[in-house]
Every structure is written in structure tokens, then in C-alpha cells.
Amino acid sequence: MLRQLCPQLKKLQLKVKAKKTYSRIHSQLDNAELAVFLSGLAAISRPIISQWFRASPDIEIKSDTSPVTIADRTVELALRDAIASRFPGDDILGEEHDVTFGDGSTGYQWVIDPIDGTKAFVSGKPTFGSLVGLLNSGRPVAGFCDMPVLDELYLGIGEAAWLNGVPISASASNDLATSRLATTSPDAFSPDGLAFFNRVSALAGITNYGGDCHNYALLAAGHIDLVIEDSLAPHDIMGIVPIMQAAGACVTDLQGNSVRYPQTTSLLCAATMELHEAVIAIISDSF
């Protein structure tokens, strides 16, 4: 299936390029050009992922006990090269390789998670994705989330979000009792955080486990209403937050603070402000 995906990307780029856009996000491109650049990253990452998906690559366990493969490292290097070639003044941060600094002239940073959900990737599951975030002085302003096996490419730039070139928006859910809640794993929470999550889960309509970055993308597209995560690294966060925000979702950390690099290590993502406020009230009662 992956081998069939790359020819579709040129059509997708043209669809995104034609969209109306808002104020300029990156000083060197207008937003339509930025959308084309971001969507083109999938043509770089997908062939590498196709080579190694369900091909039993060697698995190395990192110091934080998370797995990594040659696919993770190769995808990140390829994405770094593409970004550095187009934006030599910008800093680039990634999960698998050291930070590379631009010439310091722009104030922009790029954050890469080459395969978010490596456990799923090495297990042959399709719910992993590639994330790239653009930051302006530590604030996420544009994002790329590509789910290659599912053929779902999500972009968020300013106040516009797309799935495969089609505009998307978060749901209108404002009732916790009927909401669809998701988290990747309860193992990621601290004891206090897990107790809080369980309180929210008990009040939510449906709770889903697993999914990694796909949960956030599905929230942006209106299929999930709440995502709560803890113990996150910058590469887990910065590519996906701008997509949810562009789709109209309310996204903060678990204390209700705005998402910033490098301070943010947790996420409370809600389809609406009302739903977000309901969960924040539970947090306030919990601690």
C-alpha cells in the first residue's frame, strides 16, 4: 500500500496550494507556499518508511527504554536535509539526532519526530506517523502529521487545517458525559496524573487507549473530543499541536498553560473551550 502513496502527493500539494490562507506564518514564505513545502515532506519520509515497515528492522532500546530503528534515524536525517536546504537560518531539533543551529537570523525552530509510535511501527501496526512542527520563538505555529500507511496527511497553518487537502475542524462536543476520550497508555502518567485521568475517564462517554499521534489528528478531524497525555518530550508535541489549534481545538498543558518549547511536557486537548473548562475543573478538584 505504501508504494502507491507517493504519486498521490503532487495532487495533494496542488489542492493545498489553492487554499485561501491567513497571515504569514514563516517570514520567508506565504502560507500557501508553506503548505506546499510541508505536504512535500511526505514524499521524502514515505519511501523510507515503506522500505522498513513490516520488514523486521533491528530494534535498539534507548536509554529512556523506548525503541528506535534505522527507519527512525534515516527519516529524520532526510527531513532535516530538506528543511535545512530551504531554511538555512532556522534551528532544527529532532528525536534521534543532535540539534543543528541555523545562522540565528530568523528565530524559527523546526522539531521532528520521524516516527511517532515506533512501538506500533515495529509491531506492524499502522497507527504511527511522522511529525514536523514549526516554532516561532518557542511557540508552535504550523504542523505536519503524516500517517503513511493510512494515507492521511494532516496540516495545520495559522487558522486553517487540512486532511489530504480538505479542510477539517474539531467537533462541537461540549458535554463530558458524551465525549470521546483518548490516551496512548496509562503507563505514561504519574500516579497523581493517572488518578486524574481515571476521574475524567469515569465521566466521559467513551475512553480509547493506544493511537499515539493519530489520536490528536482524529481530534482535529472531529472524530475524538478529548486527548490527555503526560510525560511528553518536545518532539511528541510540537508537530501536532498547531494542527489541532488550527482546527479550532483548545490545547494546553494539564495546568491550563499555553504550549511552549521546551517547558510543555503534558497535553490537555479538547474540541471546545467548554469541554476544556470541564476537565480543568476536575484537575483543580484533584490537586
C-alpha atoms as a PDB file:
ATOM      1  CA  MET A   1       0.000   0.000   0.000  1.00  0.00           C
ATOM      2  CA  LEU A   2       2.768   2.463   0.906  1.00  0.00           C
ATOM      3  CA  ARG A   3       4.330   2.159  -2.540  1.00  0.00           C
ATOM      4  CA  GLN A   4       1.107   3.506  -4.051  1.00  0.00           C
ATOM      5  CA  LEU A   5       1.022   6.639  -1.913  1.00  0.00           C
ATOM      6  CA  CYS A   6       3.773   8.893  -3.189  1.00  0.00           C
ATOM      7  CA  PRO A   7       2.231   9.536  -6.639  1.00  0.00           C
ATOM      8  CA  GLN A   8      -0.812  10.996  -4.877  1.00  0.00           C
ATOM      9  CA  LEU A   9       1.206  13.693  -3.114  1.00  0.00           C
ATOM     10  CA  LYS A  10       1.636  16.018  -6.100  1.00  0.00           C
ATOM     11  CA  LYS A  11      -2.137  16.281  -6.467  1.00  0.00           C
ATOM     12  CA  LEU A  12      -2.454  16.943  -2.738  1.00  0.00           C
ATOM     13  CA  GLN A  13       0.120  19.730  -2.882  1.00  0.00           C
ATOM     14  CA  LEU A  14      -1.803  21.471  -5.661  1.00  0.00           C
ATOM     15  CA  LYS A  15      -5.049  21.266  -3.705  1.00  0.00           C
ATOM     16  CA  VAL A  16      -3.464  22.781  -0.619  1.00  0.00           C
ATOM     17  CA  LYS A  17      -1.713  25.475  -2.634  1.00  0.00           C
ATOM     18  CA  ALA A  18      -5.037  26.713  -3.960  1.00  0.00           C
ATOM     19  CA  LYS A  19      -6.497  27.262  -0.491  1.00  0.00           C
ATOM     20  CA  LYS A  20      -7.022  30.756   0.890  1.00  0.00           C
ATOM     21  CA  THR A  21      -4.647  31.475   3.763  1.00  0.00           C
ATOM     22  CA  TYR A  22      -4.290  33.801   6.725  1.00  0.00           C
ATOM     23  CA  SER A  23      -1.405  35.995   7.947  1.00  0.00           C
ATOM     24  CA  ARG A  24       2.111  34.873   7.076  1.00  0.00           C
ATOM     25  CA  ILE A  25       3.437  32.209   9.483  1.00  0.00           C
ATOM     26  CA  HIS A  26       7.049  31.996   8.265  1.00  0.00           C
ATOM     27  CA  SER A  27       8.782  35.166   7.175  1.00  0.00           C
ATOM     28  CA  GLN A  28      10.299  33.508   4.096  1.00  0.00           C
ATOM     29  CA  LEU A  29       7.094  32.013   2.637  1.00  0.00           C
ATOM     30  CA  ASP A  30       3.460  32.880   2.369  1.00  0.00           C
ATOM     31  CA  ASN A  31       1.144  30.323   3.930  1.00  0.00           C
ATOM     32  CA  ALA A  32       0.208  28.657   0.654  1.00  0.00           C
ATOM     33  CA  GLU A  33       3.892  28.102  -0.116  1.00  0.00           C
ATOM     34  CA  LEU A  34       4.456  26.800   3.406  1.00  0.00           C
ATOM     35  CA  ALA A  35       1.608  24.320   2.961  1.00  0.00           C
ATOM     36  CA  VAL A  36       3.183  23.066  -0.250  1.00  0.00           C
ATOM     37  CA  PHE A  37       6.557  22.689   1.446  1.00  0.00           C
ATOM     38  CA  LEU A  38       5.079  20.779   4.395  1.00  0.00           C
ATOM     39  CA  SER A  39       2.986  18.466   2.254  1.00  0.00           C
ATOM     40  CA  GLY A  40       6.077  17.717   0.162  1.00  0.00           C
ATOM     41  CA  LEU A  41       7.850  16.294   3.219  1.00  0.00           C
ATOM     42  CA  ALA A  42       5.662  13.198   2.938  1.00  0.00           C
ATOM     43  CA  ALA A  43       7.281  12.394  -0.397  1.00  0.00           C
ATOM     44  CA  ILE A  44      10.595  12.282   1.466  1.00  0.00           C
ATOM     45  CA  SER A  45       9.554  10.233   4.510  1.00  0.00           C
ATOM     46  CA  ARG A  46       7.125   7.733   2.956  1.00  0.00           C
ATOM     47  CA  PRO A  47       9.571   5.857   0.683  1.00  0.00           C
ATOM     48  CA  ILE A  48      11.937   5.285   3.613  1.00  0.00           C
ATOM     49  CA  ILE A  49       9.125   4.091   5.856  1.00  0.00           C
ATOM     50  CA  SER A  50       7.837   1.843   3.070  1.00  0.00           C
ATOM     51  CA  GLN A  51      11.239   0.173   2.856  1.00  0.00           C
ATOM     52  CA  TRP A  52      11.253  -0.807   6.522  1.00  0.00           C
ATOM     53  CA  PHE A  53       7.585  -1.215   7.544  1.00  0.00           C
ATOM     54  CA  ARG A  54       6.844  -4.887   8.293  1.00  0.00           C
ATOM     55  CA  ALA A  55      10.404  -5.702   7.207  1.00  0.00           C
ATOM     56  CA  SER A  56      11.603  -6.599  10.737  1.00  0.00           C
ATOM     57  CA  PRO A  57      14.309  -3.937  11.122  1.00  0.00           C
ATOM     58  CA  ASP A  58      16.693  -4.340  14.044  1.00  0.00           C
ATOM     59  CA  ILE A  59      15.348  -2.718  17.210  1.00  0.00           C
ATOM     60  CA  GLU A  60      17.612  -0.816  19.580  1.00  0.00           C
ATOM     61  CA  ILE A  61      16.420   0.173  23.041  1.00  0.00           C
ATOM     62  CA  LYS A  62      17.429   3.720  24.001  1.00  0.00           C
ATOM     63  CA  SER A  63      18.354   4.926  27.475  1.00  0.00           C
ATOM     64  CA  ASP A  64      14.752   6.017  28.083  1.00  0.00           C
ATOM     65  CA  THR A  65      13.639   2.413  27.267  1.00  0.00           C
ATOM     66  CA  SER A  66      11.910   3.473  24.041  1.00  0.00           C
ATOM     67  CA  PRO A  67      12.692   1.590  20.804  1.00  0.00           C
ATOM     68  CA  VAL A  68      14.435   3.036  17.754  1.00  0.00           C
ATOM     69  CA  THR A  69      15.187   1.609  14.304  1.00  0.00           C
ATOM     70  CA  ILE A  70      17.130   2.534  11.205  1.00  0.00           C
ATOM     71  CA  ALA A  71      13.859   3.872   9.791  1.00  0.00           C
ATOM     72  CA  ASP A  72      13.522   6.459  12.580  1.00  0.00           C
ATOM     73  CA  ARG A  73      17.072   7.701  12.109  1.00  0.00           C
ATOM     74  CA  THR A  74      17.015   7.717   8.309  1.00  0.00           C
ATOM     75  CA  VAL A  75      13.693   9.526   8.071  1.00  0.00           C
ATOM     76  CA  GLU A  76      14.870  12.200  10.482  1.00  0.00           C
ATOM     77  CA  LEU A  77      18.094  12.814   8.557  1.00  0.00           C
ATOM     78  CA  ALA A  78      16.194  13.108   5.278  1.00  0.00           C
ATOM     79  CA  LEU A  79      13.681  15.563   6.753  1.00  0.00           C
ATOM     80  CA  ARG A  80      16.482  17.582   8.341  1.00  0.00           C
ATOM     81  CA  ASP A  81      18.222  17.876   4.980  1.00  0.00           C
ATOM     82  CA  ALA A  82      15.050  19.096   3.278  1.00  0.00           C
ATOM     83  CA  ILE A  83      14.346  21.705   5.953  1.00  0.00           C
ATOM     84  CA  ALA A  84      17.950  22.920   6.207  1.00  0.00           C
ATOM     85  CA  SER A  85      18.163  23.310   2.431  1.00  0.00           C
ATOM     86  CA  ARG A  86      15.064  25.511   2.336  1.00  0.00           C
ATOM     87  CA  PHE A  87      15.511  27.351   5.644  1.00  0.00           C
ATOM     88  CA  PRO A  88      19.258  27.608   6.415  1.00  0.00           C
ATOM     89  CA  GLY A  89      18.676  30.240   9.094  1.00  0.00           C
ATOM     90  CA  ASP A  90      16.372  28.070  11.203  1.00  0.00           C
ATOM     91  CA  ASP A  91      17.294  25.711  14.063  1.00  0.00           C
ATOM     92  CA  ILE A  92      16.331  22.028  13.721  1.00  0.00           C
ATOM     93  CA  LEU A  93      15.632  19.727  16.665  1.00  0.00           C
ATOM     94  CA  GLY A  94      14.790  16.046  16.440  1.00  0.00           C
ATOM     95  CA  GLU A  95      14.237  12.939  18.495  1.00  0.00           C
ATOM     96  CA  GLU A  96      17.149  10.884  17.176  1.00  0.00           C
ATOM     97  CA  HIS A  97      19.909  13.386  16.346  1.00  0.00           C
ATOM     98  CA  ASP A  98      21.525  16.426  17.952  1.00  0.00           C
ATOM     99  CA  VAL A  99      20.183  19.918  17.408  1.00  0.00           C
ATOM    100  CA  THR A 100      21.549  21.791  14.416  1.00  0.00           C
ATOM    101  CA  PHE A 101      21.606  25.556  14.661  1.00  0.00           C
ATOM    102  CA  GLY A 102      20.878  27.947  11.844  1.00  0.00           C
ATOM    103  CA  ASP A 103      22.636  31.253  11.480  1.00  0.00           C
ATOM    104  CA  GLY A 104      20.477  32.775  14.228  1.00  0.00           C
ATOM    105  CA  SER A 105      18.837  35.283  11.922  1.00  0.00           C
ATOM    106  CA  THR A 106      15.243  34.052  11.978  1.00  0.00           C
ATOM    107  CA  GLY A 107      14.034  32.945  15.436  1.00  0.00           C
ATOM    108  CA  TYR A 108      12.350  29.883  13.928  1.00  0.00           C
ATOM    109  CA  GLN A 109      12.843  26.292  15.058  1.00  0.00           C
ATOM    110  CA  TRP A 110      11.730  23.013  13.472  1.00  0.00           C
ATOM    111  CA  VAL A 111      11.004  19.963  15.634  1.00  0.00           C
ATOM    112  CA  ILE A 112      10.945  16.474  14.077  1.00  0.00           C
ATOM    113  CA  ASP A 113       9.576  13.170  15.327  1.00  0.00           C
ATOM    114  CA  PRO A 114      10.388  10.868  12.393  1.00  0.00           C
ATOM    115  CA  ILE A 115       8.184   8.010  13.617  1.00  0.00           C
ATOM    116  CA  ASP A 116       5.828   8.816  16.454  1.00  0.00           C
ATOM    117  CA  GLY A 117       4.691   5.402  17.617  1.00  0.00           C
ATOM    118  CA  THR A 118       7.794   3.325  16.983  1.00  0.00           C
ATOM    119  CA  LYS A 119       6.316   0.522  19.113  1.00  0.00           C
ATOM    120  CA  ALA A 120       3.402   0.346  16.681  1.00  0.00           C
ATOM    121  CA  PHE A 121       5.766   0.582  13.694  1.00  0.00           C
ATOM    122  CA  VAL A 122       7.917  -2.367  14.787  1.00  0.00           C
ATOM    123  CA  SER A 123       4.768  -4.359  15.614  1.00  0.00           C
ATOM    124  CA  GLY A 124       3.337  -3.943  12.122  1.00  0.00           C
ATOM    125  CA  LYS A 125       0.509  -1.675  13.265  1.00  0.00           C
ATOM    126  CA  PRO A 126      -0.489   1.226  11.001  1.00  0.00           C
ATOM    127  CA  THR A 127      -1.136   3.840  13.705  1.00  0.00           C
ATOM    128  CA  PHE A 128       2.246   5.581  13.638  1.00  0.00           C
ATOM    129  CA  GLY A 129       3.094   8.864  11.996  1.00  0.00           C
ATOM    130  CA  SER A 130       5.763  11.393  11.127  1.00  0.00           C
ATOM    131  CA  LEU A 131       5.569  14.776  12.860  1.00  0.00           C
ATOM    132  CA  VAL A 132       7.178  18.088  11.950  1.00  0.00           C
ATOM    133  CA  GLY A 133       6.465  21.308  13.818  1.00  0.00           C
ATOM    134  CA  LEU A 134       7.437  24.888  13.041  1.00  0.00           C
ATOM    135  CA  LEU A 135       8.035  27.113  16.072  1.00  0.00           C
ATOM    136  CA  ASN A 136       8.398  30.871  16.272  1.00  0.00           C
ATOM    137  CA  SER A 137      10.427  31.754  19.376  1.00  0.00           C
ATOM    138  CA  GLY A 138       9.264  28.546  21.065  1.00  0.00           C
ATOM    139  CA  ARG A 139       5.599  28.807  20.092  1.00  0.00           C
ATOM    140  CA  PRO A 140       4.222  26.152  17.695  1.00  0.00           C
ATOM    141  CA  VAL A 141       2.716  27.857  14.643  1.00  0.00           C
ATOM    142  CA  ALA A 142       2.495  25.217  11.887  1.00  0.00           C
ATOM    143  CA  GLY A 143       2.403  21.429  11.872  1.00  0.00           C
ATOM    144  CA  PHE A 144       2.671  18.323   9.707  1.00  0.00           C
ATOM    145  CA  CYS A 145       1.370  14.884  10.708  1.00  0.00           C
ATOM    146  CA  ASP A 146       1.623  12.137   8.121  1.00  0.00           C
ATOM    147  CA  MET A 147       0.069   8.715   8.752  1.00  0.00           C
ATOM    148  CA  PRO A 148       1.672   6.927   5.779  1.00  0.00           C
ATOM    149  CA  VAL A 149       0.010   3.510   5.963  1.00  0.00           C
ATOM    150  CA  LEU A 150      -3.418   5.108   6.431  1.00  0.00           C
ATOM    151  CA  ASP A 151      -2.702   7.632   3.648  1.00  0.00           C
ATOM    152  CA  GLU A 152      -3.722  10.517   5.909  1.00  0.00           C
ATOM    153  CA  LEU A 153      -1.713  13.737   5.697  1.00  0.00           C
ATOM    154  CA  TYR A 154      -2.741  16.411   8.209  1.00  0.00           C
ATOM    155  CA  LEU A 155      -1.519  20.012   8.026  1.00  0.00           C
ATOM    156  CA  GLY A 156      -2.181  22.986  10.268  1.00  0.00           C
ATOM    157  CA  ILE A 157      -1.083  26.522   9.420  1.00  0.00           C
ATOM    158  CA  GLY A 158      -2.431  29.545  11.261  1.00  0.00           C
ATOM    159  CA  GLU A 159      -6.197  29.182  11.349  1.00  0.00           C
ATOM    160  CA  ALA A 160      -6.538  26.515   8.648  1.00  0.00           C
ATOM    161  CA  ALA A 161      -6.219  22.729   8.966  1.00  0.00           C
ATOM    162  CA  TRP A 162      -6.491  20.069   6.275  1.00  0.00           C
ATOM    163  CA  LEU A 163      -6.645  16.310   5.870  1.00  0.00           C
ATOM    164  CA  ASN A 164      -5.401  15.330   2.406  1.00  0.00           C
ATOM    165  CA  GLY A 165      -6.087  18.867   1.214  1.00  0.00           C
ATOM    166  CA  VAL A 166      -9.663  19.001   2.530  1.00  0.00           C
ATOM    167  CA  PRO A 167     -10.441  21.456   5.374  1.00  0.00           C
ATOM    168  CA  ILE A 168     -11.116  19.862   8.763  1.00  0.00           C
ATOM    169  CA  SER A 169     -12.357  21.110  12.110  1.00  0.00           C
ATOM    170  CA  ALA A 170     -12.750  19.808  15.636  1.00  0.00           C
ATOM    171  CA  SER A 171     -16.135  18.619  16.833  1.00  0.00           C
ATOM    172  CA  ALA A 172     -18.646  20.813  18.655  1.00  0.00           C
ATOM    173  CA  SER A 173     -18.709  18.485  21.672  1.00  0.00           C
ATOM    174  CA  ASN A 174     -19.161  20.375  24.933  1.00  0.00           C
ATOM    175  CA  ASP A 175     -20.566  17.639  27.198  1.00  0.00           C
ATOM    176  CA  LEU A 176     -18.066  15.448  29.009  1.00  0.00           C
ATOM    177  CA  ALA A 177     -20.711  12.753  29.523  1.00  0.00           C
ATOM    178  CA  THR A 178     -20.950  12.109  25.781  1.00  0.00           C
ATOM    179  CA  SER A 179     -17.338  12.882  24.859  1.00  0.00           C
ATOM    180  CA  ARG A 180     -14.847  10.544  23.194  1.00  0.00           C
ATOM    181  CA  LEU A 181     -11.632  10.487  25.234  1.00  0.00           C
ATOM    182  CA  ALA A 182      -8.274   9.021  24.202  1.00  0.00           C
ATOM    183  CA  THR A 183      -4.793   8.474  25.609  1.00  0.00           C
ATOM    184  CA  THR A 184      -1.933   6.336  24.347  1.00  0.00           C
ATOM    185  CA  SER A 185      -1.155   4.457  27.559  1.00  0.00           C
ATOM    186  CA  PRO A 186      -1.950   4.822  31.269  1.00  0.00           C
ATOM    187  CA  ASP A 187       1.666   3.772  31.897  1.00  0.00           C
ATOM    188  CA  ALA A 188       2.806   7.242  30.789  1.00  0.00           C
ATOM    189  CA  PHE A 189       1.074   9.010  33.671  1.00  0.00           C
ATOM    190  CA  SER A 190       2.473   9.774  37.094  1.00  0.00           C
ATOM    191  CA  PRO A 191       0.420   8.255  39.932  1.00  0.00           C
ATOM    192  CA  ASP A 192      -1.371  11.567  40.521  1.00  0.00           C
ATOM    193  CA  GLY A 193      -1.828  12.089  36.810  1.00  0.00           C
ATOM    194  CA  LEU A 194      -3.298   8.624  36.368  1.00  0.00           C
ATOM    195  CA  ALA A 195      -5.730   9.206  39.225  1.00  0.00           C
ATOM    196  CA  PHE A 196      -6.858  12.398  37.492  1.00  0.00           C
ATOM    197  CA  PHE A 197      -7.166  10.679  34.117  1.00  0.00           C
ATOM    198  CA  ASN A 198      -9.254   7.906  35.657  1.00  0.00           C
ATOM    199  CA  ARG A 199     -11.624  10.503  37.114  1.00  0.00           C
ATOM    200  CA  VAL A 200     -12.096  12.068  33.689  1.00  0.00           C
ATOM    201  CA  SER A 201     -12.463   8.647  32.061  1.00  0.00           C
ATOM    202  CA  ALA A 202     -15.174   7.666  34.521  1.00  0.00           C
ATOM    203  CA  LEU A 203     -17.185  10.720  33.462  1.00  0.00           C
ATOM    204  CA  ALA A 204     -16.517  10.525  29.713  1.00  0.00           C
ATOM    205  CA  GLY A 205     -18.780   8.748  27.273  1.00  0.00           C
ATOM    206  CA  ILE A 206     -16.079   6.588  25.640  1.00  0.00           C
ATOM    207  CA  THR A 207     -12.404   6.023  26.502  1.00  0.00           C
ATOM    208  CA  ASN A 208      -9.892   4.813  23.914  1.00  0.00           C
ATOM    209  CA  TYR A 209      -6.339   3.564  24.562  1.00  0.00           C
ATOM    210  CA  GLY A 210      -3.476   3.432  22.068  1.00  0.00           C
ATOM    211  CA  GLY A 211      -3.122   5.538  18.942  1.00  0.00           C
ATOM    212  CA  ASP A 212      -0.100   7.785  19.565  1.00  0.00           C
ATOM    213  CA  CYS A 213      -0.208  10.888  17.338  1.00  0.00           C
ATOM    214  CA  HIS A 214      -3.252   9.609  15.459  1.00  0.00           C
ATOM    215  CA  ASN A 215      -5.430  10.479  18.460  1.00  0.00           C
ATOM    216  CA  TYR A 216      -4.554  14.150  18.094  1.00  0.00           C
ATOM    217  CA  ALA A 217      -5.137  14.056  14.343  1.00  0.00           C
ATOM    218  CA  LEU A 218      -8.534  12.445  14.840  1.00  0.00           C
ATOM    219  CA  LEU A 219      -9.409  15.179  17.332  1.00  0.00           C
ATOM    220  CA  ALA A 220      -8.530  17.791  14.725  1.00  0.00           C
ATOM    221  CA  ALA A 221     -10.773  15.992  12.225  1.00  0.00           C
ATOM    222  CA  GLY A 222     -13.729  15.819  14.630  1.00  0.00           C
ATOM    223  CA  HIS A 223     -13.699  12.105  15.498  1.00  0.00           C
ATOM    224  CA  ILE A 224     -12.259  12.338  19.045  1.00  0.00           C
ATOM    225  CA  ASP A 225     -13.214  15.060  21.523  1.00  0.00           C
ATOM    226  CA  LEU A 226     -10.544  14.826  24.249  1.00  0.00           C
ATOM    227  CA  VAL A 227      -6.911  13.703  24.341  1.00  0.00           C
ATOM    228  CA  ILE A 228      -4.942  13.720  27.595  1.00  0.00           C
ATOM    229  CA  GLU A 229      -1.238  12.833  27.701  1.00  0.00           C
ATOM    230  CA  ASP A 230       1.611  13.153  30.195  1.00  0.00           C
ATOM    231  CA  SER A 231       5.399  12.660  30.297  1.00  0.00           C
ATOM    232  CA  LEU A 232       5.886  14.015  26.771  1.00  0.00           C
ATOM    233  CA  ALA A 233       9.012  15.274  25.011  1.00  0.00           C
ATOM    234  CA  PRO A 234       9.052  18.277  22.639  1.00  0.00           C
ATOM    235  CA  HIS A 235       9.137  16.060  19.547  1.00  0.00           C
ATOM    236  CA  ASP A 236       5.892  14.396  20.725  1.00  0.00           C
ATOM    237  CA  ILE A 237       4.111  17.724  20.895  1.00  0.00           C
ATOM    238  CA  MET A 238       5.243  20.449  18.549  1.00  0.00           C
ATOM    239  CA  GLY A 239       4.210  18.962  15.203  1.00  0.00           C
ATOM    240  CA  ILE A 240       0.671  18.092  16.195  1.00  0.00           C
ATOM    241  CA  VAL A 241      -0.433  20.989  18.424  1.00  0.00           C
ATOM    242  CA  PRO A 242      -0.692  23.542  15.571  1.00  0.00           C
ATOM    243  CA  ILE A 243      -2.948  21.176  13.620  1.00  0.00           C
ATOM    244  CA  MET A 244      -5.406  20.815  16.489  1.00  0.00           C
ATOM    245  CA  GLN A 245      -5.367  24.548  17.180  1.00  0.00           C
ATOM    246  CA  ALA A 246      -5.862  25.379  13.505  1.00  0.00           C
ATOM    247  CA  ALA A 247      -8.874  23.042  13.546  1.00  0.00           C
ATOM    248  CA  GLY A 248     -10.392  25.064  16.389  1.00  0.00           C
ATOM    249  CA  ALA A 249      -9.474  22.873  19.368  1.00  0.00           C
ATOM    250  CA  CYS A 250      -8.392  24.191  22.759  1.00  0.00           C
ATOM    251  CA  VAL A 251      -4.907  22.858  23.595  1.00  0.00           C
ATOM    252  CA  THR A 252      -2.901  23.497  26.777  1.00  0.00           C
ATOM    253  CA  ASP A 253      -0.820  21.553  29.245  1.00  0.00           C
ATOM    254  CA  LEU A 254      -2.566  19.849  32.174  1.00  0.00           C
ATOM    255  CA  GLN A 255      -2.278  23.030  34.219  1.00  0.00           C
ATOM    256  CA  GLY A 256      -4.005  25.094  31.549  1.00  0.00           C
ATOM    257  CA  ASN A 257      -0.836  26.829  30.349  1.00  0.00           C
ATOM    258  CA  SER A 258      -0.111  27.608  26.711  1.00  0.00           C
ATOM    259  CA  VAL A 259       2.103  25.147  24.842  1.00  0.00           C
ATOM    260  CA  ARG A 260       5.707  26.338  24.648  1.00  0.00           C
ATOM    261  CA  TYR A 261       9.084  24.805  23.842  1.00  0.00           C
ATOM    262  CA  PRO A 262      10.745  23.409  25.905  1.00  0.00           C
ATOM    263  CA  GLN A 263       8.563  23.799  29.002  1.00  0.00           C
ATOM    264  CA  THR A 264       5.484  21.767  27.991  1.00  0.00           C
ATOM    265  CA  THR A 265       5.521  18.071  28.953  1.00  0.00           C
ATOM    266  CA  SER A 266       1.793  17.280  29.063  1.00  0.00           C
ATOM    267  CA  LEU A 267      -1.243  17.981  26.903  1.00  0.00           C
ATOM    268  CA  LEU A 268      -4.924  18.553  27.519  1.00  0.00           C
ATOM    269  CA  CYS A 269      -6.593  18.763  24.112  1.00  0.00           C
ATOM    270  CA  ALA A 270     -10.313  19.458  23.874  1.00  0.00           C
ATOM    271  CA  ALA A 271     -12.576  20.012  20.904  1.00  0.00           C
ATOM    272  CA  THR A 272     -14.207  23.027  22.552  1.00  0.00           C
ATOM    273  CA  MET A 273     -13.439  25.566  25.264  1.00  0.00           C
ATOM    274  CA  GLU A 274     -16.401  24.297  27.284  1.00  0.00           C
ATOM    275  CA  LEU A 275     -15.071  20.750  27.299  1.00  0.00           C
ATOM    276  CA  HIS A 276     -11.609  22.000  28.218  1.00  0.00           C
ATOM    277  CA  GLU A 277     -13.003  24.003  31.132  1.00  0.00           C
ATOM    278  CA  ALA A 278     -14.912  20.964  32.411  1.00  0.00           C
ATOM    279  CA  VAL A 279     -11.706  18.924  32.540  1.00  0.00           C
ATOM    280  CA  ILE A 280      -9.685  21.761  34.097  1.00  0.00           C
ATOM    281  CA  ALA A 281     -12.309  21.901  36.870  1.00  0.00           C
ATOM    282  CA  ILE A 282     -11.665  18.222  37.601  1.00  0.00           C
ATOM    283  CA  ILE A 283      -7.932  18.871  37.736  1.00  0.00           C
ATOM    284  CA  SER A 284      -8.496  21.725  40.186  1.00  0.00           C
ATOM    285  CA  ASP A 285     -10.525  19.400  42.422  1.00  0.00           C
ATOM    286  CA  SER A 286      -7.888  16.652  42.169  1.00  0.00           C
ATOM    287  CA  PHE A 287      -4.819  18.556  43.382  1.00  0.00           C
END
